[in-house]
Amino acid sequence: MDKCMNAVPVIKVELIKKKAFSSSAPHPKLFLKKLVAECEKLTSEVVVSVESRMLLPGLINVEDMITWHLKSNTRELAIILSERESDKRELEKVRHKIRAAKRDLGIKND
């Protein structure tokens, strides 16, 4: 029983640390909105370039730039999503510890 009482503050500290760490990561929805805005900006630049009769080498450079941005953003989004998944697993571990501590203390789970 005494061991369980000592474990509860540790769990709270771990949970606070996890929450502080995960809140610094960008949210996928906000990141996707930023990506859409970037894509629209690049698209408008391409339209202006085509309308101004840009030569083929210039258009190829623009296409390469857009492709690079898309690949870069895809990698960044994959990293964000994997971090979020890792945070979910860590949170589940903490919840499991809390349930075990409650069970050891004789407290019913909600």
Protein backbone atom coordinates (compact mmCIF):
# COMPACT_ATOMS: atom_id res chain seq x y z
CA MET A 1 0.00 0.00 0.00
CA ASP A 2 2.80 2.40 0.93
CA LYS A 3 4.54 1.56 -2.34
CA CYS A 4 1.39 2.48 -4.29
CA MET A 5 1.04 5.80 -2.49
CA ASN A 6 4.60 6.69 -3.49
CA ALA A 7 3.94 5.66 -7.11
CA VAL A 8 1.03 8.08 -7.60
CA PRO A 9 3.15 11.29 -7.51
CA VAL A 10 5.65 9.69 -9.90
CA ILE A 11 2.84 8.91 -12.34
CA LYS A 12 1.59 12.49 -12.10
CA VAL A 13 5.06 13.86 -12.80
CA GLU A 14 5.46 11.53 -15.80
CA LEU A 15 2.08 12.58 -17.14
CA ILE A 16 2.93 16.28 -16.78
CA LYS A 17 6.26 15.74 -18.57
CA LYS A 18 4.56 13.84 -21.41
CA LYS A 19 1.89 16.51 -21.76
CA ALA A 20 4.47 19.31 -21.86
CA PHE A 21 6.54 17.45 -24.44
CA SER A 22 3.63 16.53 -26.71
CA SER A 23 2.13 20.02 -26.64
CA SER A 24 5.25 21.39 -28.33
CA ALA A 25 4.69 19.22 -31.41
CA PRO A 26 2.62 20.83 -34.15
CA HIS A 27 -0.89 19.52 -34.62
CA PRO A 28 -1.44 17.64 -37.90
CA LYS A 29 -4.52 19.72 -38.83
CA LEU A 30 -2.65 23.01 -38.45
CA PHE A 31 0.31 21.60 -40.34
CA LEU A 32 -1.96 20.46 -43.18
CA LYS A 33 -3.57 23.91 -43.37
CA LYS A 34 -0.09 25.40 -43.70
CA LEU A 35 0.73 22.91 -46.45
CA VAL A 36 -2.44 23.76 -48.37
CA ALA A 37 -1.62 27.47 -48.15
CA GLU A 38 1.92 26.80 -49.42
CA CYS A 39 0.58 24.68 -52.26
CA GLU A 40 -1.90 27.39 -53.28
CA LYS A 41 0.89 29.98 -53.22
CA LEU A 42 3.12 27.83 -55.41
CA THR A 43 0.23 27.12 -57.78
CA SER A 44 -0.46 30.83 -58.19
CA GLU A 45 3.25 31.42 -58.88
CA VAL A 46 3.14 28.76 -61.60
CA VAL A 47 0.02 30.31 -63.14
CA VAL A 48 1.72 33.73 -63.23
CA SER A 49 4.82 32.14 -64.74
CA VAL A 50 2.84 30.38 -67.45
CA GLU A 51 0.83 33.50 -68.21
CA SER A 52 4.02 35.53 -68.58
CA ARG A 53 5.22 33.00 -71.17
CA MET A 54 8.08 31.63 -69.09
CA LEU A 55 10.46 29.44 -71.03
CA LEU A 56 10.56 25.68 -70.52
CA PRO A 57 13.74 25.64 -68.37
CA GLY A 58 12.13 28.13 -65.98
CA LEU A 59 8.98 26.01 -65.75
CA ILE A 60 11.08 22.92 -65.07
CA ASN A 61 12.82 24.77 -62.22
CA VAL A 62 9.43 25.75 -60.78
CA GLU A 63 8.23 22.15 -61.06
CA ASP A 64 11.39 20.93 -59.29
CA MET A 65 10.84 23.49 -56.52
CA ILE A 66 7.22 22.38 -56.03
CA THR A 67 8.25 18.72 -56.00
CA TRP A 68 10.94 19.44 -53.41
CA HIS A 69 8.45 21.30 -51.20
CA LEU A 70 5.93 18.46 -51.43
CA LYS A 71 8.53 15.81 -50.56
CA SER A 72 9.87 17.89 -47.69
CA ASN A 73 6.39 18.50 -46.31
CA THR A 74 5.52 14.82 -46.66
CA ARG A 75 8.56 13.83 -44.61
CA GLU A 76 7.77 16.45 -41.96
CA LEU A 77 4.15 15.30 -41.73
CA ALA A 78 5.26 11.67 -41.37
CA ILE A 79 7.54 12.67 -38.50
CA ILE A 80 4.74 14.61 -36.79
CA LEU A 81 2.29 11.73 -37.15
CA SER A 82 4.80 9.19 -35.80
CA GLU A 83 5.50 11.47 -32.81
CA ARG A 84 1.77 11.73 -32.14
CA GLU A 85 1.45 7.93 -32.31
CA SER A 86 4.37 7.57 -29.90
CA ASP A 87 2.70 10.08 -27.54
CA LYS A 88 -0.50 8.00 -27.65
CA ARG A 89 1.43 4.85 -26.68
CA GLU A 90 3.17 6.67 -23.83
CA LEU A 91 -0.14 8.05 -22.61
CA GLU A 92 -1.64 4.56 -22.63
CA LYS A 93 1.31 3.30 -20.54
CA VAL A 94 0.71 6.08 -18.00
CA ARG A 95 -3.03 5.30 -17.93
CA HIS A 96 -2.20 1.65 -17.30
CA LYS A 97 0.05 2.64 -14.37
CA ILE A 98 -2.72 4.84 -12.95
CA ARG A 99 -5.27 2.02 -13.22
CA ALA A 100 -2.83 -0.37 -11.51
CA ALA A 101 -2.15 2.13 -8.71
CA LYS A 102 -5.89 2.70 -8.21
CA ARG A 103 -6.50 -1.04 -8.15
CA ASP A 104 -3.74 -1.50 -5.54
CA LEU A 105 -5.27 1.29 -3.45
CA GLY A 106 -8.73 -0.25 -3.74
CA ILE A 107 -10.14 2.64 -5.76
CA LYS A 108 -12.66 1.71 -8.45
CA ASN A 109 -11.87 2.75 -12.02
CA ASP A 110 -14.21 5.22 -13.71
